[in-house]
Protein backbone atom coordinates (compact mmCIF):
# COMPACT_ATOMS: atom_id res chain seq x y z
CA MET A 1 92.71 16.56 111.67
CA ASP A 2 89.59 14.39 111.67
CA THR A 3 89.57 11.56 109.15
CA GLU A 4 86.21 12.83 107.87
CA ASP A 5 87.74 16.25 107.16
CA LYS A 6 90.68 14.65 105.36
CA LEU A 7 88.30 12.87 103.01
CA ILE A 8 86.32 16.05 102.29
CA PHE A 9 89.46 18.06 101.51
CA GLY A 10 90.85 15.20 99.42
CA CYS A 11 87.74 15.09 97.23
CA CYS A 12 87.50 18.87 96.67
CA LYS A 13 89.57 18.80 93.50
CA ILE A 14 88.73 18.47 89.84
CA ASN A 15 91.85 16.64 88.74
CA LEU A 16 93.00 13.98 91.18
CA ASP A 17 96.49 12.58 90.70
CA ASP A 18 97.52 9.03 91.61
CA LEU A 19 98.59 10.09 95.10
CA GLY A 20 95.26 11.83 95.70
CA ARG A 21 93.28 8.77 94.60
CA ALA A 22 95.43 6.53 96.82
CA ARG A 23 94.77 8.78 99.82
CA ILE A 24 91.02 8.74 99.23
CA THR A 25 90.97 4.96 98.82
CA LYS A 26 92.81 4.55 102.11
CA LEU A 27 90.50 6.99 103.93
CA ILE A 28 87.33 5.31 102.65
CA HIS A 29 88.37 2.04 104.25
CA ALA A 30 89.08 3.69 107.61
CA PRO A 31 86.38 4.07 110.30
CA LEU A 32 84.29 7.06 109.22
CA ASP A 33 81.19 8.89 110.43
CA TRP A 34 79.45 9.28 107.08
CA GLY A 35 76.68 11.37 108.64
CA VAL A 36 79.27 13.97 109.63
CA ILE A 37 80.77 13.86 106.13
CA ARG A 38 77.38 14.43 104.54
CA GLU A 39 76.49 17.27 106.93
CA LYS A 40 79.79 19.12 106.53
CA SER A 41 79.98 18.70 102.77
CA GLN A 42 76.41 19.95 102.33
CA ARG A 43 76.96 22.89 104.68
CA HIS A 44 80.06 23.90 102.75
CA LYS A 45 78.40 23.22 99.35
CA VAL A 46 81.03 20.72 98.22
CA SER A 47 79.01 17.48 98.27
CA PRO A 48 78.95 17.43 94.41
CA PHE A 49 82.74 17.06 94.51
CA LEU A 50 82.47 14.00 96.74
CA TYR A 51 80.01 12.36 94.35
CA TYR A 52 82.07 13.40 91.30
CA ASN A 53 85.32 11.90 92.59
CA LEU A 54 83.97 8.88 94.49
CA SER A 55 81.87 7.79 91.52
CA ALA A 56 84.76 8.39 89.08
CA MET A 57 86.97 6.17 91.26
CA THR A 58 84.23 3.51 91.30
CA GLN A 59 84.20 3.65 95.09
CA GLU A 60 80.40 3.63 95.48
CA ASN A 61 80.43 0.15 96.99
CA SER A 62 82.69 1.37 99.79
CA VAL A 63 80.28 4.21 100.69
CA PRO A 64 76.96 3.59 102.49
CA GLN A 65 74.18 3.47 99.91
CA GLU A 66 72.08 6.21 101.49
CA ILE A 67 75.09 8.55 101.63
CA MET A 68 75.98 7.95 98.00
CA LYS A 69 72.35 8.54 97.05
CA SER A 70 72.34 11.85 98.94
CA LEU A 71 75.59 12.96 97.30
CA LYS A 72 74.25 12.03 93.88
CA GLU A 73 71.02 13.96 94.48
CA SER A 74 73.05 17.03 95.40
CA TYR A 75 75.13 16.73 92.25
CA MET A 76 72.18 16.03 89.93
CA GLY A 77 70.11 18.81 91.52
CA GLY A 78 72.88 21.33 90.87
CA LEU A 79 73.38 20.01 87.35
CA TYR A 80 69.68 20.40 86.53
CA LYS A 81 69.37 23.86 88.09
CA ASN A 82 72.51 25.19 86.43
CA THR A 83 71.46 23.79 83.05
CA VAL A 84 68.06 25.46 83.40
CA MET A 85 69.68 28.80 84.26
CA GLU A 86 72.05 28.59 81.31
CA LYS A 87 69.24 27.91 78.85
CA ALA A 88 67.15 30.72 80.35
CA ALA A 89 70.04 33.19 80.26
CA ILE A 90 70.86 32.86 76.57
CA PRO A 91 67.91 35.02 75.33
CA PHE A 92 69.04 37.80 77.68
CA PHE A 93 72.65 37.56 76.46
CA LYS A 94 71.45 37.79 72.86
CA ALA A 95 69.18 40.76 73.62
CA ALA A 96 71.96 42.57 75.51
CA SER A 97 74.38 42.05 72.63
CA ALA A 98 71.80 43.20 70.08
CA HIS A 99 71.31 46.45 72.02
CA ASN A 100 75.07 46.94 72.56
CA LEU A 101 74.69 46.73 76.32
CA GLY A 102 78.01 46.33 78.08
CA PHE A 103 77.81 43.57 80.68
CA ILE A 104 80.13 41.10 82.38
CA ILE A 105 79.19 37.69 83.76
CA ILE A 106 80.72 37.35 87.21
CA LYS A 107 80.97 34.83 90.05
CA GLY A 108 79.55 31.29 89.80
CA PHE A 109 78.21 31.18 86.25
CA ALA A 110 81.49 32.45 84.82
CA LEU A 111 83.47 29.98 86.95
CA THR A 112 81.39 27.07 85.68
CA HIS A 113 82.70 27.79 82.19
CA LEU A 114 86.17 29.03 83.10
CA LEU A 115 87.15 26.31 85.57
CA TYR A 116 84.73 23.47 86.11
CA ARG A 117 83.26 22.61 82.72
CA ASP A 118 80.83 20.41 84.61
CA ALA A 119 77.65 22.24 85.53
CA GLY A 120 76.93 19.90 88.43
CA LEU A 121 80.03 20.82 90.44
CA ARG A 122 79.36 24.51 91.13
CA PRO A 123 75.99 25.15 92.86
CA MET A 124 74.37 28.48 91.97
CA CYS A 125 71.26 30.36 93.07
CA ASP A 126 71.24 32.90 90.23
CA ILE A 127 73.38 34.44 87.52
CA ASP A 128 75.29 37.60 88.44
CA ILE A 129 76.11 40.25 85.89
CA LEU A 130 77.95 43.55 86.19
CA ILE A 131 76.92 46.57 84.12
CA LYS A 132 78.11 50.15 83.87
CA GLU A 133 76.11 52.49 86.08
CA ASN A 134 75.30 54.83 83.19
CA GLU A 135 73.65 51.97 81.30
CA ARG A 136 71.06 51.09 83.91
CA ASN A 137 68.21 52.64 81.91
CA LYS A 138 69.15 50.63 78.84
CA LEU A 139 69.23 47.44 80.91
CA ALA A 140 65.83 48.26 82.43
CA GLN A 141 64.32 48.55 78.96
CA ILE A 142 65.80 45.23 77.88
CA LEU A 143 64.62 43.40 81.02
CA GLU A 144 61.08 44.81 80.75
CA LYS A 145 60.89 43.80 77.12
CA GLU A 146 62.20 40.31 77.94
CA GLY A 147 59.46 39.81 80.55
CA TYR A 148 61.45 40.04 83.80
CA GLU A 149 59.77 40.92 87.09
CA GLY A 150 61.19 43.36 89.61
CA ASP A 151 61.25 47.04 90.56
CA PHE A 152 62.80 48.65 87.51
CA SER A 153 62.73 52.11 89.10
CA GLY A 154 65.80 50.98 91.03
CA LEU A 155 67.65 50.58 87.75
CA LYS A 156 66.33 53.81 86.27
CA GLY A 157 66.80 55.94 89.38
CA GLN A 158 69.88 57.37 91.02
CA ASN A 159 69.37 56.10 94.58
CA ARG A 160 72.87 55.92 96.06
CA PHE A 161 71.94 53.26 98.60
CA ILE A 162 71.42 50.61 95.92
CA ASP A 163 74.22 48.78 94.18
CA GLN A 164 72.41 45.65 92.99
CA LEU A 165 68.92 44.38 92.19
CA ILE A 166 67.49 40.93 91.53
CA PHE A 167 65.06 40.17 88.70
CA ALA A 168 63.19 37.00 87.82
CA LYS A 169 61.49 35.41 84.85
CA ASP A 170 59.37 32.28 84.53
CA THR A 171 60.39 30.00 81.68
CA VAL A 172 59.24 26.57 80.53
CA LEU A 173 62.31 25.19 82.31
CA GLY A 174 61.69 26.97 85.61
CA ARG A 175 62.21 30.31 87.33
CA PHE A 176 65.34 32.19 86.31
CA MET A 177 66.98 34.75 88.62
CA LEU A 178 69.26 37.52 87.35
CA ASP A 179 71.31 39.46 89.92
CA VAL A 180 72.34 42.82 88.45
CA HIS A 181 75.29 44.77 89.92
CA TRP A 182 76.83 48.09 88.94
CA THR A 183 79.57 48.05 91.55
CA PHE A 184 81.84 45.13 92.37
CA PHE A 185 80.94 45.25 96.07
CA SER A 186 79.46 47.61 98.62
CA SER A 187 81.92 50.16 100.03
CA ARG A 188 83.11 48.36 103.17
CA PRO A 189 85.10 50.35 103.99
CA TYR A 190 86.20 51.71 100.57
CA LYS A 191 84.68 51.64 97.14
CA ILE A 192 86.29 48.89 95.05
CA ASN A 193 87.67 50.22 91.81
CA LEU A 194 89.25 48.01 89.14
CA PRO A 195 89.58 50.62 86.37
CA SER A 196 90.97 48.33 83.67
CA ALA A 197 88.61 45.41 84.32
CA TRP A 198 86.38 46.35 81.36
CA GLU A 199 89.39 46.43 79.01
CA ARG A 200 90.75 43.08 80.22
CA LEU A 201 87.66 40.97 79.48
CA GLN A 202 87.71 37.50 78.01
CA LEU A 203 84.91 35.71 76.15
CA ILE A 204 83.33 32.39 77.08
CA ASN A 205 81.18 30.23 74.85
CA ILE A 206 77.71 29.52 76.22
CA ASP A 207 75.83 27.15 73.95
CA GLY A 208 77.13 28.96 70.87
CA GLN A 209 76.62 32.44 72.32
CA ARG A 210 79.77 34.42 73.13
CA ALA A 211 79.58 36.30 76.44
CA PRO A 212 82.14 38.43 78.32
CA CYS A 213 83.57 37.60 81.75
CA LEU A 214 86.40 39.03 83.82
CA SER A 215 90.05 38.28 83.18
CA LEU A 216 91.62 35.57 85.32
CA GLU A 217 93.32 38.17 87.52
CA ASP A 218 90.15 40.20 88.08
CA THR A 219 88.21 36.99 88.68
CA LEU A 220 90.66 36.09 91.45
CA LEU A 221 90.34 39.55 93.01
CA VAL A 222 86.52 39.33 92.98
CA LEU A 223 86.66 35.87 94.57
CA VAL A 224 88.91 37.24 97.33
CA LEU A 225 86.51 40.13 97.96
CA HIS A 226 83.57 37.75 98.04
CA ALA A 227 85.37 35.57 100.59
CA ARG A 228 86.17 38.64 102.72
CA ARG A 229 82.49 39.55 102.72
CA HIS A 230 81.59 36.11 104.10
CA THR A 231 84.44 35.65 106.56
CA ARG A 232 82.15 34.80 109.50
CA ASN A 233 80.62 31.87 107.63
CA LEU A 234 83.24 31.22 104.96
CA GLY A 235 82.42 28.11 102.94
CA LEU A 236 84.90 25.58 101.63
CA ASN A 237 83.33 26.00 98.18
CA GLN A 238 84.67 29.57 98.07
CA ILE A 239 88.20 28.36 98.74
CA VAL A 240 87.79 25.62 96.10
CA ASP A 241 87.03 28.33 93.50
CA ILE A 242 90.25 30.16 94.36
CA ALA A 243 92.35 27.00 94.57
CA GLU A 244 91.13 25.69 91.20
CA LEU A 245 91.75 28.99 89.47
CA ILE A 246 95.34 28.97 90.75
CA LYS A 247 95.93 25.28 90.00
CA GLN A 248 94.73 25.62 86.43
CA HIS A 249 96.14 29.05 85.58
CA ALA A 250 99.01 29.88 87.98
CA LEU A 251 101.51 30.26 85.14
CA GLU A 252 99.22 32.63 83.23
CA LEU A 253 98.34 34.92 86.12
CA ASP A 254 99.82 38.42 86.23
CA TRP A 255 100.80 38.45 89.92
CA GLU A 256 102.09 42.03 89.71
CA TYR A 257 98.69 43.25 88.56
CA ILE A 258 97.00 41.27 91.36
CA ASN A 259 99.34 42.81 93.94
CA LYS A 260 98.91 46.34 92.58
CA GLU A 261 95.11 46.30 92.46
CA SER A 262 94.64 44.62 95.83
CA GLY A 263 97.06 47.12 97.40
CA ARG A 264 95.38 50.12 95.80
CA ASN A 265 91.98 48.90 97.00
CA HIS A 266 93.19 48.08 100.53
CA PHE A 267 92.68 44.31 100.55
CA LEU A 268 96.19 42.84 100.60
CA MET A 269 95.38 41.01 103.86
CA PRO A 270 92.27 39.28 102.44
CA LEU A 271 94.35 38.30 99.41
CA TYR A 272 97.03 36.76 101.64
CA PHE A 273 94.33 35.06 103.73
CA CYS A 274 92.62 33.43 100.73
CA LEU A 275 95.88 32.30 99.13
CA TYR A 276 97.02 30.89 102.48
CA LEU A 277 93.78 28.87 102.75
CA ALA A 278 93.99 27.64 99.15
CA GLN A 279 97.50 26.43 99.93
CA GLU A 280 96.74 25.07 103.40
CA LEU A 281 93.48 23.28 102.64
CA LEU A 282 93.71 22.27 99.00
CA GLU A 283 97.42 22.25 98.14
CA ALA A 284 97.31 25.10 95.62
CA LYS A 285 100.83 26.15 94.64
CA ILE A 286 101.34 29.91 94.92
CA PRO A 287 104.70 31.46 93.97
CA GLU A 288 106.74 31.48 97.18
CA THR A 289 108.18 34.93 96.54
CA PHE A 290 104.67 36.35 96.14
CA MET A 291 103.44 34.83 99.41
CA LYS A 292 106.47 36.20 101.26
CA ARG A 293 105.75 39.60 99.78
CA LEU A 294 102.18 39.51 101.11
CA GLN A 295 102.98 38.14 104.56
CA PRO A 296 101.76 40.31 107.47
CA ASN A 297 103.73 40.75 110.68
CA ILE A 298 104.52 37.63 112.67
CA VAL A 299 101.81 38.24 115.30
CA LYS A 300 98.99 38.63 112.78
CA ARG A 301 100.28 35.69 110.76
CA TRP A 302 100.40 33.47 113.87
CA LEU A 303 96.86 34.48 114.89
CA ILE A 304 95.45 33.68 111.45
CA MET A 305 97.19 30.30 111.33
CA ARG A 306 95.98 29.54 114.86
CA LEU A 307 92.38 30.59 114.22
CA ILE A 308 91.88 28.90 110.87
CA ASN A 309 93.74 25.91 109.48
CA LYS A 310 93.24 22.44 108.06
CA ALA A 311 92.38 20.95 111.43
CA ASN A 312 89.59 23.37 112.36
CA PHE A 313 88.29 24.96 109.14
CA LEU A 314 85.17 22.78 108.98
CA LYS A 315 84.26 23.40 112.63
CA ARG A 316 84.93 27.10 113.18
CA THR A 317 82.72 29.25 115.39
CA VAL A 318 81.09 32.56 114.46
CA GLY A 319 83.19 34.27 117.14
CA GLU A 320 86.39 33.07 115.48
CA GLY A 321 85.05 34.32 112.16
CA ARG A 322 84.51 37.81 113.61
CA LEU A 323 88.06 37.91 114.96
CA ILE A 324 89.43 36.78 111.60
CA ARG A 325 87.42 39.55 109.91
CA PHE A 326 89.13 42.10 112.16
CA LEU A 327 92.57 40.68 111.28
CA LEU A 328 91.87 41.07 107.55
CA PHE A 329 92.06 44.86 107.55
CA ASP A 330 95.31 46.06 105.98
CA ARG A 331 95.67 48.91 108.50
CA LEU A 332 94.07 50.02 111.75
CA VAL A 333 92.74 53.13 110.01
CA ASP A 334 90.87 50.86 107.54
CA PHE A 335 89.12 49.19 110.48
CA LEU A 336 88.18 52.59 111.95
CA VAL A 337 86.78 53.73 108.60
CA TYR A 338 84.82 50.48 108.43
CA LEU A 339 83.35 51.03 111.90
CA TRP A 340 82.38 54.60 111.05
CA ARG A 341 80.70 53.49 107.85
CA VAL A 342 78.81 50.55 109.35
CA VAL A 343 77.80 52.20 112.64
CA PHE A 344 77.03 55.67 111.34
CA LEU A 345 76.40 55.69 107.61
CA GLU A 346 74.56 52.39 107.37
CA LYS A 347 72.85 52.28 110.75
CA PHE A 348 71.66 55.87 110.95
CA ILE A 349 71.55 57.13 107.37
CA TYR A 350 70.89 53.95 105.41
CA HIS A 351 68.16 52.62 107.70
CA ASN A 352 66.52 56.05 108.00
CA CYS A 353 66.21 56.09 104.23
CA GLN A 354 64.35 52.78 103.98
CA ASN A 355 61.17 54.49 102.80
CA GLU A 356 63.09 56.10 99.97
CA ARG A 357 65.29 53.11 99.19
CA ILE A 358 63.90 51.10 96.30
CA LYS A 359 63.75 47.37 96.91
CA THR A 360 63.30 44.52 94.47
CA VAL A 361 60.51 42.22 95.55
CA ILE A 362 60.02 38.92 93.81
CA PRO A 363 56.74 37.13 94.62
């Protein structure tokens, strides 16, 4: 493994122990290509972690000044943007609660409060929320009243080719983007159904306003599905999310529930893949019996370990990503259903319905 990669992996943790700090100190004083470190960390959206840990260890003097400045800019830029989004989101949360709209904060914004507690560490483009499909009209009324821009007919209508829409609002702090979903993910190949997710919610405190987010188990499942969706260009930041959730909450997680829901929704292989990477890259400790239970056959396991590991994760090719995506289907029939859906349903039906499909356009 390249020394540069070792340093990046070593810094991608919130809580460094003495051994981790000693490793980083040793690596910093080795010959390093800091340009490569900056490029890889920015591409994988983990440069805030390098600034966070290097500055906390008072190692700035050992890092080239221009590199440290770049890392700091990345961290401060994310901190500012995330703070702006949080302030802009609070009026919506209050309005939604006042109108008894059921919603769940998902993905990055929820993770910032559940795991990181430092808004500069987790870059975000927007805030994602999940609503119930039968409450789309209520949400449309709230968003229109709150001054959001977007095509609200997509929320009010019943077009089956839409499962999310993006809305925007200008505030004194900047432009705020709200990404509204009413399914967890597009059906590729099957519709994802977590029937008890709405009953398992937990509340997070956002500047005094209580807001619902998914349980730890459902959060992990959504992170796995999100990683599966981006297999071809999987970022290290996505694995950091999974690794930190496990490191901080492994003893609290209901592993039986995780196994049951991933099996019922046909994504046991993506679950194994993501847990393997969290363990391989970032030293997350997953119960050994659970990993053995998930393990695929020896051929598939060998191929995954050969195609993606600590030595090559930061320099994978798109072709390798496509092959990994194929390996992540639980069964051959799942892959065939996927092909049928993508090649037929989406290529011929979906694209032929573009004139009818309602799009959200933000100027």
